């Protein structure tokens, strides 16, 4: 079971939002500006898309991923925030019970397959 304790920290939430949402859109807009100036930027919003921001986010994601990876090379977790998780281990008794149930099911299937193969005529 994974829990995200950064959801309690507004600064972590802001950083995650900047890295995952704002950075890709900003880089897509920057790339469009370099390619065709303001007209190319305006195309993103005038294209008739239902969600131009989502389109820009998708367009800028490869560039943003590269930037995040470069930031991680400077300091791990800087570009791709490390998300704390809590790990729990299943009790051995529960796993043994599940394994026993599985074995019983497999034995029942095997018995049915044997009965089916006996019922079919031999070639």
PDB file of N, CA and C in Angstrom:
ATOM      1  N   UNK A   1       0.841  -1.175   0.000  1.00  0.00           N
ATOM      2  CA  UNK A   1       0.000   0.000   0.000  1.00  0.00           C
ATOM      3  C   UNK A   1       0.884   1.234   0.000  1.00  0.00           C
ATOM      4  N   UNK A   2       0.756   2.083  -0.981  1.00  0.00           N
ATOM      5  CA  UNK A   2       1.588   3.272  -1.090  1.00  0.00           C
ATOM      6  C   UNK A   2       0.801   4.482  -0.634  1.00  0.00           C
ATOM      7  N   UNK A   3       1.447   5.335   0.137  1.00  0.00           N
ATOM      8  CA  UNK A   3       0.820   6.569   0.564  1.00  0.00           C
ATOM      9  C   UNK A   3       1.705   7.720   0.167  1.00  0.00           C
ATOM     10  N   UNK A   4       1.094   8.820  -0.167  1.00  0.00           N
ATOM     11  CA  UNK A   4       1.834   9.984  -0.616  1.00  0.00           C
ATOM     12  C   UNK A   4       1.799  11.028   0.487  1.00  0.00           C
ATOM     13  N   UNK A   5       2.856  11.087   1.300  1.00  0.00           N
ATOM     14  CA  UNK A   5       2.884  12.046   2.392  1.00  0.00           C
ATOM     15  C   UNK A   5       3.176  13.449   1.896  1.00  0.00           C
ATOM     16  N   UNK A   6       3.627  13.608   0.637  1.00  0.00           N
ATOM     17  CA  UNK A   6       3.888  14.946   0.121  1.00  0.00           C
ATOM     18  C   UNK A   6       2.588  15.706  -0.122  1.00  0.00           C
ATOM     19  N   UNK A   7       1.449  15.004  -0.141  1.00  0.00           N
ATOM     20  CA  UNK A   7       0.172  15.682  -0.340  1.00  0.00           C
ATOM     21  C   UNK A   7      -0.135  16.585   0.847  1.00  0.00           C
ATOM     22  N   UNK A   8       0.564  16.389   1.981  1.00  0.00           N
ATOM     23  CA  UNK A   8       0.369  17.229   3.150  1.00  0.00           C
ATOM     24  C   UNK A   8       1.265  18.459   3.117  1.00  0.00           C
ATOM     25  N   UNK A   9       2.229  18.492   2.215  1.00  0.00           N
ATOM     26  CA  UNK A   9       3.181  19.582   2.143  1.00  0.00           C
ATOM     27  C   UNK A   9       2.872  20.444   0.916  1.00  0.00           C
ATOM     28  N   UNK A  10       2.390  21.665   1.118  1.00  0.00           N
ATOM     29  CA  UNK A  10       2.037  22.519  -0.018  1.00  0.00           C
ATOM     30  C   UNK A  10       3.216  22.831  -0.940  1.00  0.00           C
ATOM     31  N   UNK A  11       4.419  22.951  -0.394  1.00  0.00           N
ATOM     32  CA  UNK A  11       5.578  23.228  -1.248  1.00  0.00           C
ATOM     33  C   UNK A  11       5.877  22.052  -2.166  1.00  0.00           C
ATOM     34  N   UNK A  12       5.753  20.833  -1.649  1.00  0.00           N
ATOM     35  CA  UNK A  12       5.953  19.650  -2.492  1.00  0.00           C
ATOM     36  C   UNK A  12       4.886  19.569  -3.570  1.00  0.00           C
ATOM     37  N   UNK A  13       3.653  19.922  -3.202  1.00  0.00           N
ATOM     38  CA  UNK A  13       2.567  19.920  -4.188  1.00  0.00           C
ATOM     39  C   UNK A  13       2.843  20.944  -5.285  1.00  0.00           C
ATOM     40  N   UNK A  14       3.292  22.115  -4.903  1.00  0.00           N
ATOM     41  CA  UNK A  14       3.601  23.175  -5.872  1.00  0.00           C
ATOM     42  C   UNK A  14       4.730  22.735  -6.792  1.00  0.00           C
ATOM     43  N   UNK A  15       5.780  22.181  -6.231  1.00  0.00           N
ATOM     44  CA  UNK A  15       6.917  21.727  -7.040  1.00  0.00           C
ATOM     45  C   UNK A  15       6.502  20.633  -8.009  1.00  0.00           C
ATOM     46  N   UNK A  16       5.707  19.684  -7.542  1.00  0.00           N
ATOM     47  CA  UNK A  16       5.230  18.605  -8.401  1.00  0.00           C
ATOM     48  C   UNK A  16       4.372  19.168  -9.534  1.00  0.00           C
ATOM     49  N   UNK A  17       3.499  20.102  -9.212  1.00  0.00           N
ATOM     50  CA  UNK A  17       2.657  20.721 -10.238  1.00  0.00           C
ATOM     51  C   UNK A  17       3.502  21.483 -11.259  1.00  0.00           C
ATOM     52  N   UNK A  18       4.511  22.185 -10.777  1.00  0.00           N
ATOM     53  CA  UNK A  18       5.391  22.908 -11.695  1.00  0.00           C
ATOM     54  C   UNK A  18       6.115  21.955 -12.632  1.00  0.00           C
ATOM     55  N   UNK A  19       6.617  20.859 -12.096  1.00  0.00           N
ATOM     56  CA  UNK A  19       7.386  19.900 -12.899  1.00  0.00           C
ATOM     57  C   UNK A  19       6.513  19.128 -13.881  1.00  0.00           C
ATOM     58  N   UNK A  20       5.290  18.792 -13.476  1.00  0.00           N
ATOM     59  CA  UNK A  20       4.458  17.932 -14.310  1.00  0.00           C
ATOM     60  C   UNK A  20       3.479  18.693 -15.204  1.00  0.00           C
ATOM     61  N   UNK A  21       3.092  19.882 -14.800  1.00  0.00           N
ATOM     62  CA  UNK A  21       2.077  20.609 -15.560  1.00  0.00           C
ATOM     63  C   UNK A  21       2.611  21.875 -16.225  1.00  0.00           C
ATOM     64  N   UNK A  22       3.228  22.735 -15.434  1.00  0.00           N
ATOM     65  CA  UNK A  22       3.650  24.038 -15.936  1.00  0.00           C
ATOM     66  C   UNK A  22       4.868  23.914 -16.855  1.00  0.00           C
ATOM     67  N   UNK A  23       5.851  23.128 -16.463  1.00  0.00           N
ATOM     68  CA  UNK A  23       7.074  22.996 -17.269  1.00  0.00           C
ATOM     69  C   UNK A  23       6.794  22.509 -18.695  1.00  0.00           C
ATOM     70  N   UNK A  24       6.025  21.431 -18.888  1.00  0.00           N
ATOM     71  CA  UNK A  24       5.779  20.986 -20.272  1.00  0.00           C
ATOM     72  C   UNK A  24       5.042  22.030 -21.117  1.00  0.00           C
ATOM     73  N   UNK A  25       4.058  22.698 -20.521  1.00  0.00           N
ATOM     74  CA  UNK A  25       3.309  23.719 -21.266  1.00  0.00           C
ATOM     75  C   UNK A  25       4.224  24.882 -21.612  1.00  0.00           C
ATOM     76  N   UNK A  26       5.006  25.316 -20.650  1.00  0.00           N
ATOM     77  CA  UNK A  26       5.927  26.432 -20.889  1.00  0.00           C
ATOM     78  C   UNK A  26       6.956  26.111 -21.964  1.00  0.00           C
ATOM     79  N   UNK A  27       7.494  24.895 -21.932  1.00  0.00           N
ATOM     80  CA  UNK A  27       8.480  24.521 -22.942  1.00  0.00           C
ATOM     81  C   UNK A  27       7.848  24.391 -24.327  1.00  0.00           C
ATOM     82  N   UNK A  28       6.610  23.914 -24.388  1.00  0.00           N
ATOM     83  CA  UNK A  28       5.925  23.836 -25.683  1.00  0.00           C
ATOM     84  C   UNK A  28       5.692  25.234 -26.245  1.00  0.00           C
ATOM     85  N   UNK A  29       5.301  26.163 -25.382  1.00  0.00           N
ATOM     86  CA  UNK A  29       5.095  27.546 -25.833  1.00  0.00           C
ATOM     87  C   UNK A  29       6.419  28.170 -26.275  1.00  0.00           C
ATOM     88  N   UNK A  30       7.487  27.907 -25.535  1.00  0.00           N
ATOM     89  CA  UNK A  30       8.803  28.434 -25.906  1.00  0.00           C
ATOM     90  C   UNK A  30       9.255  27.878 -27.254  1.00  0.00           C
ATOM     91  N   UNK A  31       9.060  26.598 -27.450  1.00  0.00           N
ATOM     92  CA  UNK A  31       9.451  25.983 -28.727  1.00  0.00           C
ATOM     93  C   UNK A  31       8.640  26.573 -29.882  1.00  0.00           C
ATOM     94  N   UNK A  32       7.345  26.768 -29.647  1.00  0.00           N
ATOM     95  CA  UNK A  32       6.503  27.376 -30.692  1.00  0.00           C
ATOM     96  C   UNK A  32       6.955  28.809 -30.987  1.00  0.00           C
ATOM     97  N   UNK A  33       7.323  29.540 -29.955  1.00  0.00           N
ATOM     98  CA  UNK A  33       7.780  30.924 -30.148  1.00  0.00           C
ATOM     99  C   UNK A  33       9.062  30.956 -30.967  1.00  0.00           C
ATOM    100  N   UNK A  34       9.962  29.992 -30.699  1.00  0.00           N
ATOM    101  CA  UNK A  34      11.212  29.928 -31.459  1.00  0.00           C
ATOM    102  C   UNK A  34      10.947  29.566 -32.918  1.00  0.00           C
ATOM    103  N   UNK A  35       9.961  28.713 -33.143  1.00  0.00           N
ATOM    104  CA  UNK A  35       9.681  28.236 -34.501  1.00  0.00           C
ATOM    105  C   UNK A  35       8.913  29.248 -35.343  1.00  0.00           C
ATOM    106  N   UNK A  36       7.981  29.972 -34.728  1.00  0.00           N
ATOM    107  CA  UNK A  36       7.161  30.847 -35.555  1.00  0.00           C
ATOM    108  C   UNK A  36       6.664  32.098 -34.887  1.00  0.00           C
ATOM    109  N   UNK A  37       7.178  32.406 -33.726  1.00  0.00           N
ATOM    110  CA  UNK A  37       6.792  33.628 -33.039  1.00  0.00           C
ATOM    111  C   UNK A  37       5.396  33.541 -32.443  1.00  0.00           C
ATOM    112  N   UNK A  38       4.813  34.709 -32.179  1.00  0.00           N
ATOM    113  CA  UNK A  38       3.501  34.761 -31.533  1.00  0.00           C
ATOM    114  C   UNK A  38       2.398  34.060 -32.337  1.00  0.00           C
ATOM    115  N   UNK A  39       2.512  34.085 -33.650  1.00  0.00           N
ATOM    116  CA  UNK A  39       1.499  33.430 -34.484  1.00  0.00           C
ATOM    117  C   UNK A  39       1.447  31.927 -34.242  1.00  0.00           C
ATOM    118  N   UNK A  40       2.607  31.335 -34.077  1.00  0.00           N
ATOM    119  CA  UNK A  40       2.681  29.890 -33.824  1.00  0.00           C
ATOM    120  C   UNK A  40       2.098  29.563 -32.448  1.00  0.00           C
ATOM    121  N   UNK A  41       2.307  30.456 -31.474  1.00  0.00           N
ATOM    122  CA  UNK A  41       1.720  30.263 -30.145  1.00  0.00           C
ATOM    123  C   UNK A  41       0.205  30.361 -30.232  1.00  0.00           C
ATOM    124  N   UNK A  42      -0.277  31.354 -30.971  1.00  0.00           N
ATOM    125  CA  UNK A  42      -1.719  31.550 -31.093  1.00  0.00           C
ATOM    126  C   UNK A  42      -2.396  30.355 -31.750  1.00  0.00           C
ATOM    127  N   UNK A  43      -1.678  29.667 -32.654  1.00  0.00           N
ATOM    128  CA  UNK A  43      -2.245  28.479 -33.313  1.00  0.00           C
ATOM    129  C   UNK A  43      -2.682  27.424 -32.307  1.00  0.00           C
ATOM    130  N   UNK A  44      -1.957  27.298 -31.221  1.00  0.00           N
ATOM    131  CA  UNK A  44      -2.283  26.294 -30.209  1.00  0.00           C
ATOM    132  C   UNK A  44      -3.669  26.533 -29.628  1.00  0.00           C
ATOM    133  N   UNK A  45      -4.054  27.813 -29.508  1.00  0.00           N
ATOM    134  CA  UNK A  45      -5.339  28.145 -28.902  1.00  0.00           C
ATOM    135  C   UNK A  45      -6.438  28.335 -29.936  1.00  0.00           C
ATOM    136  N   UNK A  46      -6.061  28.561 -31.185  1.00  0.00           N
ATOM    137  CA  UNK A  46      -7.046  28.785 -32.240  1.00  0.00           C
ATOM    138  C   UNK A  46      -7.316  27.530 -33.057  1.00  0.00           C
ATOM    139  N   UNK A  47      -6.694  26.423 -32.696  1.00  0.00           N
ATOM    140  CA  UNK A  47      -6.820  25.202 -33.500  1.00  0.00           C
ATOM    141  C   UNK A  47      -8.174  24.523 -33.345  1.00  0.00           C
ATOM    142  N   UNK A  48      -8.979  24.976 -32.402  1.00  0.00           N
ATOM    143  CA  UNK A  48     -10.286  24.360 -32.199  1.00  0.00           C
ATOM    144  C   UNK A  48     -10.236  23.151 -31.291  1.00  0.00           C
ATOM    145  N   UNK A  49      -9.126  22.939 -30.649  1.00  0.00           N
ATOM    146  CA  UNK A  49      -8.981  21.813 -29.723  1.00  0.00           C
ATOM    147  C   UNK A  49      -9.856  22.035 -28.495  1.00  0.00           C
ATOM    148  N   UNK A  50     -10.393  20.947 -27.975  1.00  0.00           N
ATOM    149  CA  UNK A  50     -11.221  21.034 -26.777  1.00  0.00           C
ATOM    150  C   UNK A  50     -10.390  21.433 -25.557  1.00  0.00           C
ATOM    151  N   UNK A  51      -9.131  21.038 -25.527  1.00  0.00           N
ATOM    152  CA  UNK A  51      -8.265  21.352 -24.392  1.00  0.00           C
ATOM    153  C   UNK A  51      -6.861  21.692 -24.893  1.00  0.00           C
ATOM    154  N   UNK A  52      -6.651  22.950 -25.305  1.00  0.00           N
ATOM    155  CA  UNK A  52      -5.345  23.326 -25.857  1.00  0.00           C
ATOM    156  C   UNK A  52      -4.209  23.213 -24.836  1.00  0.00           C
ATOM    157  N   UNK A  53      -4.501  23.418 -23.560  1.00  0.00           N
ATOM    158  CA  UNK A  53      -3.456  23.295 -22.534  1.00  0.00           C
ATOM    159  C   UNK A  53      -2.977  21.851 -22.452  1.00  0.00           C
ATOM    160  N   UNK A  54      -3.906  20.899 -22.496  1.00  0.00           N
ATOM    161  CA  UNK A  54      -3.521  19.484 -22.473  1.00  0.00           C
ATOM    162  C   UNK A  54      -2.703  19.133 -23.711  1.00  0.00           C
ATOM    163  N   UNK A  55      -3.074  19.712 -24.851  1.00  0.00           N
ATOM    164  CA  UNK A  55      -2.309  19.478 -26.077  1.00  0.00           C
ATOM    165  C   UNK A  55      -0.890  20.025 -25.947  1.00  0.00           C
ATOM    166  N   UNK A  56      -0.772  21.224 -25.384  1.00  0.00           N
ATOM    167  CA  UNK A  56       0.549  21.817 -25.180  1.00  0.00           C
ATOM    168  C   UNK A  56       1.358  21.002 -24.173  1.00  0.00           C
ATOM    169  N   UNK A  57       0.688  20.524 -23.124  1.00  0.00           N
ATOM    170  CA  UNK A  57       1.381  19.709 -22.127  1.00  0.00           C
ATOM    171  C   UNK A  57       1.953  18.453 -22.784  1.00  0.00           C
ATOM    172  N   UNK A  58       1.159  17.820 -23.645  1.00  0.00           N
ATOM    173  CA  UNK A  58       1.615  16.614 -24.343  1.00  0.00           C
ATOM    174  C   UNK A  58       2.747  16.957 -25.317  1.00  0.00           C
ATOM    175  N   UNK A  59       2.625  18.075 -25.994  1.00  0.00           N
ATOM    176  CA  UNK A  59       3.647  18.503 -26.950  1.00  0.00           C
ATOM    177  C   UNK A  59       4.973  18.807 -26.253  1.00  0.00           C
ATOM    178  N   UNK A  60       4.913  19.385 -25.069  1.00  0.00           N
ATOM    179  CA  UNK A  60       6.124  19.770 -24.361  1.00  0.00           C
ATOM    180  C   UNK A  60       6.688  18.709 -23.439  1.00  0.00           C
ATOM    181  N   UNK A  61       5.970  17.596 -23.257  1.00  0.00           N
ATOM    182  CA  UNK A  61       6.415  16.566 -22.314  1.00  0.00           C
ATOM    183  C   UNK A  61       7.792  15.987 -22.640  1.00  0.00           C
ATOM    184  N   UNK A  62       8.112  15.682 -23.904  1.00  0.00           N
ATOM    185  CA  UNK A  62       9.468  15.158 -24.161  1.00  0.00           C
ATOM    186  C   UNK A  62      10.572  16.132 -23.739  1.00  0.00           C
ATOM    187  N   UNK A  63      10.370  17.409 -24.013  1.00  0.00           N
ATOM    188  CA  UNK A  63      11.357  18.416 -23.601  1.00  0.00           C
ATOM    189  C   UNK A  63      11.413  18.521 -22.079  1.00  0.00           C
ATOM    190  N   UNK A  64      10.253  18.509 -21.437  1.00  0.00           N
ATOM    191  CA  UNK A  64      10.194  18.614 -19.981  1.00  0.00           C
ATOM    192  C   UNK A  64      10.859  17.402 -19.325  1.00  0.00           C
ATOM    193  N   UNK A  65      10.653  16.249 -19.899  1.00  0.00           N
ATOM    194  CA  UNK A  65      11.274  15.034 -19.365  1.00  0.00           C
ATOM    195  C   UNK A  65      12.792  15.147 -19.407  1.00  0.00           C
ATOM    196  N   UNK A  66      13.299  15.685 -20.503  1.00  0.00           N
ATOM    197  CA  UNK A  66      14.744  15.886 -20.630  1.00  0.00           C
ATOM    198  C   UNK A  66      15.244  16.872 -19.578  1.00  0.00           C
ATOM    199  N   UNK A  67      14.521  17.948 -19.363  1.00  0.00           N
ATOM    200  CA  UNK A  67      14.920  18.943 -18.352  1.00  0.00           C
ATOM    201  C   UNK A  67      14.893  18.318 -16.961  1.00  0.00           C
ATOM    202  N   UNK A  68      13.830  17.569 -16.655  1.00  0.00           N
ATOM    203  CA  UNK A  68      13.738  16.918 -15.341  1.00  0.00           C
ATOM    204  C   UNK A  68      14.888  15.938 -15.134  1.00  0.00           C
ATOM    205  N   UNK A  69      15.240  15.187 -16.173  1.00  0.00           N
ATOM    206  CA  UNK A  69      16.349  14.240 -16.053  1.00  0.00           C
ATOM    207  C   UNK A  69      17.679  14.965 -15.832  1.00  0.00           C
ATOM    208  N   UNK A  70      17.850  16.095 -16.504  1.00  0.00           N
ATOM    209  CA  UNK A  70      19.080  16.876 -16.304  1.00  0.00           C
ATOM    210  C   UNK A  70      19.149  17.442 -14.887  1.00  0.00           C
ATOM    211  N   UNK A  71      17.997  17.882 -14.378  1.00  0.00           N
ATOM    212  CA  UNK A  71      17.966  18.367 -12.996  1.00  0.00           C
ATOM    213  C   UNK A  71      18.294  17.240 -12.019  1.00  0.00           C
ATOM    214  N   UNK A  72      17.811  16.045 -12.323  1.00  0.00           N
ATOM    215  CA  UNK A  72      18.107  14.889 -11.469  1.00  0.00           C
ATOM    216  C   UNK A  72      19.594  14.547 -11.491  1.00  0.00           C
ATOM    217  N   UNK A  73      20.254  14.808 -12.604  1.00  0.00           N
ATOM    218  CA  UNK A  73      21.692  14.527 -12.654  1.00  0.00           C
ATOM    219  C   UNK A  73      22.468  15.501 -11.769  1.00  0.00           C
ATOM    220  N   UNK A  74      21.916  16.694 -11.565  1.00  0.00           N
ATOM    221  CA  UNK A  74      22.539  17.670 -10.661  1.00  0.00           C
ATOM    222  C   UNK A  74      22.286  17.262  -9.209  1.00  0.00           C
ATOM    223  N   UNK A  75      21.042  16.931  -8.914  1.00  0.00           N
ATOM    224  CA  UNK A  75      20.661  16.521  -7.558  1.00  0.00           C
ATOM    225  C   UNK A  75      19.479  15.560  -7.674  1.00  0.00           C
ATOM    226  N   UNK A  76      19.669  14.300  -7.325  1.00  0.00           N
ATOM    227  CA  UNK A  76      18.573  13.322  -7.446  1.00  0.00           C
ATOM    228  C   UNK A  76      17.314  13.791  -6.728  1.00  0.00           C
ATOM    229  N   UNK A  77      16.203  13.690  -7.453  1.00  0.00           N
ATOM    230  CA  UNK A  77      14.919  14.108  -6.904  1.00  0.00           C
ATOM    231  C   UNK A  77      14.576  15.551  -7.195  1.00  0.00           C
ATOM    232  N   UNK A  78      15.508  16.306  -7.756  1.00  0.00           N
ATOM    233  CA  UNK A  78      15.250  17.716  -8.042  1.00  0.00           C
ATOM    234  C   UNK A  78      14.272  17.873  -9.200  1.00  0.00           C
ATOM    235  N   UNK A  79      14.460  17.101 -10.262  1.00  0.00           N
ATOM    236  CA  UNK A  79      13.577  17.210 -11.426  1.00  0.00           C
ATOM    237  C   UNK A  79      12.406  16.265 -11.366  1.00  0.00           C
ATOM    238  N   UNK A  80      12.659  15.050 -10.958  1.00  0.00           N
ATOM    239  CA  UNK A  80      11.601  14.048 -10.795  1.00  0.00           C
ATOM    240  C   UNK A  80      11.468  13.817  -9.301  1.00  0.00           C
ATOM    241  N   UNK A  81      10.519  14.510  -8.680  1.00  0.00           N
ATOM    242  CA  UNK A  81      10.413  14.446  -7.221  1.00  0.00           C
ATOM    243  C   UNK A  81      10.253  13.014  -6.733  1.00  0.00           C
ATOM    244  N   UNK A  82      11.008  12.714  -5.679  1.00  0.00           N
ATOM    245  CA  UNK A  82      10.909  11.405  -5.054  1.00  0.00           C
ATOM    246  C   UNK A  82       9.656  11.420  -4.195  1.00  0.00           C
ATOM    247  N   UNK A  83       8.817  10.426  -4.435  1.00  0.00           N
ATOM    248  CA  UNK A  83       7.573  10.355  -3.690  1.00  0.00           C
ATOM    249  C   UNK A  83       7.730   9.331  -2.579  1.00  0.00           C
ATOM    250  N   UNK A  84       7.603   9.754  -1.325  1.00  0.00           N
ATOM    251  CA  UNK A  84       7.733   8.802  -0.228  1.00  0.00           C
ATOM    252  C   UNK A  84       6.579   7.800  -0.253  1.00  0.00           C
ATOM    253  N   UNK A  85       6.880   6.562   0.050  1.00  0.00           N
ATOM    254  CA  UNK A  85       5.859   5.522   0.088  1.00  0.00           C
ATOM    255  C   UNK A  85       5.994   4.736   1.379  1.00  0.00           C
ATOM    256  N   UNK A  86       4.919   4.104   1.742  1.00  0.00           N
ATOM    257  CA  UNK A  86       4.916   3.226   2.893  1.00  0.00           C
ATOM    258  C   UNK A  86       4.668   1.823   2.375  1.00  0.00           C
ATOM    259  N   UNK A  87       5.521   0.899   2.776  1.00  0.00           N
ATOM    260  CA  UNK A  87       5.420  -0.468   2.294  1.00  0.00           C
ATOM    261  C   UNK A  87       4.962  -1.363   3.429  1.00  0.00           C
ATOM    262  N   UNK A  88       3.975  -2.183   3.151  1.00  0.00           N
ATOM    263  CA  UNK A  88       3.532  -3.150   4.147  1.00  0.00           C
ATOM    264  C   UNK A  88       3.727  -4.547   3.585  1.00  0.00           C
ATOM    265  N   UNK A  89       4.008  -5.483   4.483  1.00  0.00           N
ATOM    266  CA  UNK A  89       4.256  -6.855   4.083  1.00  0.00           C
ATOM    267  C   UNK A  89       3.083  -7.710   4.547  1.00  0.00           C
ATOM    268  N   UNK A  90       2.624  -8.562   3.647  1.00  0.00           N
ATOM    269  CA  UNK A  90       1.509  -9.429   3.958  1.00  0.00           C
ATOM    270  C   UNK A  90       1.949 -10.489   4.954  1.00  0.00           C
ATOM    271  N   UNK A  91       1.082 -10.781   5.893  1.00  0.00           N
ATOM    272  CA  UNK A  91       1.387 -11.803   6.884  1.00  0.00           C
ATOM    273  C   UNK A  91       1.574 -13.153   6.205  1.00  0.00           C
ATOM    274  N   UNK A  92       2.541 -13.961   6.657  1.00  0.00           N
ATOM    275  CA  UNK A  92       2.788 -15.263   6.033  1.00  0.00           C
ATOM    276  C   UNK A  92       1.574 -16.194   6.091  1.00  0.00           C
ATOM    277  N   UNK A  93       0.765 -16.101   7.142  1.00  0.00           N
ATOM    278  CA  UNK A  93      -0.409 -16.967   7.254  1.00  0.00           C
ATOM    279  C   UNK A  93      -1.386 -16.704   6.114  1.00  0.00           C
ATOM    280  N   UNK A  94      -1.593 -15.430   5.781  1.00  0.00           N
ATOM    281  CA  UNK A  94      -2.514 -15.092   4.697  1.00  0.00           C
ATOM    282  C   UNK A  94      -1.978 -15.599   3.367  1.00  0.00           C
ATOM    283  N   UNK A  95      -0.681 -15.463   3.150  1.00  0.00           N
ATOM    284  CA  UNK A  95      -0.086 -15.932   1.898  1.00  0.00           C
ATOM    285  C   UNK A  95      -0.183 -17.450   1.801  1.00  0.00           C
ATOM    286  N   UNK A  96       0.028 -18.144   2.917  1.00  0.00           N
ATOM    287  CA  UNK A  96      -0.068 -19.609   2.913  1.00  0.00           C
ATOM    288  C   UNK A  96      -1.496 -20.050   2.620  1.00  0.00           C
ATOM    289  N   UNK A  97      -2.465 -19.347   3.178  1.00  0.00           N
ATOM    290  CA  UNK A  97      -3.867 -19.685   2.925  1.00  0.00           C
ATOM    291  C   UNK A  97      -4.211 -19.468   1.454  1.00  0.00           C
ATOM    292  N   UNK A  98      -3.725 -18.367   0.876  1.00  0.00           N
ATOM    293  CA  UNK A  98      -3.964 -18.116  -0.543  1.00  0.00           C
ATOM    294  C   UNK A  98      -3.304 -19.177  -1.410  1.00  0.00           C
ATOM    295  N   UNK A  99      -2.110 -19.593  -1.027  1.00  0.00           N
ATOM    296  CA  UNK A  99      -1.410 -20.627  -1.783  1.00  0.00           C
ATOM    297  C   UNK A  99      -2.165 -21.950  -1.692  1.00  0.00           C
ATOM    298  N   UNK A 100      -2.702 -22.262  -0.527  1.00  0.00           N
ATOM    299  CA  UNK A 100      -3.470 -23.493  -0.363  1.00  0.00           C
ATOM    300  C   UNK A 100      -4.736 -23.441  -1.218  1.00  0.00           C
ATOM    301  N   UNK A 101      -5.429 -22.293  -1.235  1.00  0.00           N
ATOM    302  CA  UNK A 101      -6.615 -22.129  -2.083  1.00  0.00           C
ATOM    303  C   UNK A 101      -6.255 -22.308  -3.549  1.00  0.00           C
ATOM    304  N   UNK A 102      -5.126 -21.755  -3.954  1.00  0.00           N
ATOM    305  CA  UNK A 102      -4.683 -21.881  -5.339  1.00  0.00           C
ATOM    306  C   UNK A 102      -4.405 -23.340  -5.684  1.00  0.00           C
ATOM    307  N   UNK A 103      -3.729 -24.053  -4.795  1.00  0.00           N
ATOM    308  CA  UNK A 103      -3.426 -25.465  -5.043  1.00  0.00           C
ATOM    309  C   UNK A 103      -4.702 -26.288  -5.178  1.00  0.00           C
ATOM    310  N   UNK A 104      -5.686 -26.013  -4.332  1.00  0.00           N
ATOM    311  CA  UNK A 104      -6.964 -26.734  -4.417  1.00  0.00           C
ATOM    312  C   UNK A 104      -7.653 -26.451  -5.749  1.00  0.00           C
ATOM    313  N   UNK A 105      -7.627 -25.214  -6.177  1.00  0.00           N
ATOM    314  CA  UNK A 105      -8.240 -24.844  -7.452  1.00  0.00           C
ATOM    315  C   UNK A 105      -7.524 -25.526  -8.612  1.00  0.00           C
ATOM    316  N   UNK A 106      -6.198 -25.522  -8.569  1.00  0.00           N
ATOM    317  CA  UNK A 106      -5.430 -26.179  -9.633  1.00  0.00           C
ATOM    318  C   UNK A 106      -5.679 -27.684  -9.656  1.00  0.00           C
ATOM    319  N   UNK A 107      -5.804 -28.310  -8.496  1.00  0.00           N
ATOM    320  CA  UNK A 107      -6.091 -29.746  -8.433  1.00  0.00           C
ATOM    321  C   UNK A 107      -7.477 -30.038  -8.999  1.00  0.00           C
ATOM    322  N   UNK A 108      -8.436 -29.165  -8.705  1.00  0.00           N
ATOM    323  CA  UNK A 108      -9.794 -29.340  -9.241  1.00  0.00           C
ATOM    324  C   UNK A 108      -9.781 -29.207 -10.764  1.00  0.00           C
ATOM    325  N   UNK A 109      -9.033 -28.250 -11.279  1.00  0.00           N
ATOM    326  CA  UNK A 109      -8.923 -28.078 -12.735  1.00  0.00           C
ATOM    327  C   UNK A 109      -8.264 -29.297 -13.356  1.00  0.00           C
ATOM    328  N   UNK A 110      -7.198 -29.800 -12.721  1.00  0.00           N
ATOM    329  CA  UNK A 110      -6.511 -30.978 -13.244  1.00  0.00           C
ATOM    330  C   UNK A 110      -7.434 -32.194 -13.274  1.00  0.00           C
ATOM    331  N   UNK A 111      -8.227 -32.356 -12.235  1.00  0.00           N
ATOM    332  CA  UNK A 111      -9.167 -33.489 -12.199  1.00  0.00           C
ATOM    333  C   UNK A 111     -10.201 -33.369 -13.307  1.00  0.00           C
ATOM    334  N   UNK A 112     -10.688 -32.185 -13.552  1.00  0.00           N
ATOM    335  CA  UNK A 112     -11.682 -31.978 -14.616  1.00  0.00           C
ATOM    336  C   UNK A 112     -11.064 -32.222 -15.993  1.00  0.00           C
ATOM    337  N   UNK A 113      -9.804 -31.786 -16.184  1.00  0.00           N
ATOM    338  CA  UNK A 113      -9.128 -32.035 -17.459  1.00  0.00           C
ATOM    339  C   UNK A 113      -8.912 -33.531 -17.679  1.00  0.00           C
ATOM    340  N   UNK A 114      -8.566 -34.264 -16.607  1.00  0.00           N
ATOM    341  CA  UNK A 114      -8.407 -35.730 -16.718  1.00  0.00           C
ATOM    342  C   UNK A 114      -9.727 -36.370 -17.097  1.00  0.00           C
ATOM    343  N   UNK A 115     -10.821 -35.942 -16.457  1.00  0.00           N
ATOM    344  CA  UNK A 115     -12.143 -36.504 -16.776  1.00  0.00           C
ATOM    345  C   UNK A 115     -12.527 -36.190 -18.218  1.00  0.00           C
ATOM    346  N   UNK A 116     -12.202 -34.989 -18.661  1.00  0.00           N
ATOM    347  CA  UNK A 116     -12.506 -34.602 -20.041  1.00  0.00           C
ATOM    348  C   UNK A 116     -11.697 -35.422 -21.031  1.00  0.00           C
ATOM    349  N   UNK A 117     -10.420 -35.632 -20.741  1.00  0.00           N
ATOM    350  CA  UNK A 117      -9.588 -36.400 -21.677  1.00  0.00           C
ATOM    351  C   UNK A 117     -10.037 -37.860 -21.714  1.00  0.00           C
ATOM    352  N   UNK A 118     -10.553 -38.431 -20.615  1.00  0.00           N
ATOM    353  CA  UNK A 118     -11.075 -39.794 -20.614  1.00  0.00           C
ATOM    354  C   UNK A 118     -12.373 -39.872 -21.404  1.00  0.00           C
ATOM    355  N   UNK A 119     -13.158 -38.804 -21.379  1.00  0.00           N
ATOM    356  CA  UNK A 119     -14.462 -38.811 -22.065  1.00  0.00           C
ATOM    357  C   UNK A 119     -14.316 -38.634 -23.563  1.00  0.00           C
ATOM    358  N   UNK A 120     -13.228 -38.023 -24.021  1.00  0.00           N
ATOM    359  CA  UNK A 120     -13.035 -37.816 -25.447  1.00  0.00           C
ATOM    360  C   UNK A 120     -12.534 -39.104 -26.098  1.00  0.00           C
ATOM    361  N   UNK A 121     -12.995 -39.383 -27.320  1.00  0.00           N
ATOM    362  CA  UNK A 121     -12.518 -40.592 -27.993  1.00  0.00           C
ATOM    363  C   UNK A 121     -11.041 -40.455 -28.350  1.00  0.00           C
ATOM    364  N   UNK A 122     -10.335 -41.583 -28.256  1.00  0.00           N
ATOM    365  CA  UNK A 122      -8.909 -41.576 -28.605  1.00  0.00           C
ATOM    366  C   UNK A 122      -8.749 -41.521 -30.101  1.00  0.00           C
ATOM    367  N   UNK A 123      -7.724 -40.834 -30.596  1.00  0.00           N
ATOM    368  CA  UNK A 123      -7.485 -40.711 -32.044  1.00  0.00           C
ATOM    369  C   UNK A 123      -6.734 -41.906 -32.562  1.00  0.00           C
TER     370      UNK A 123
END
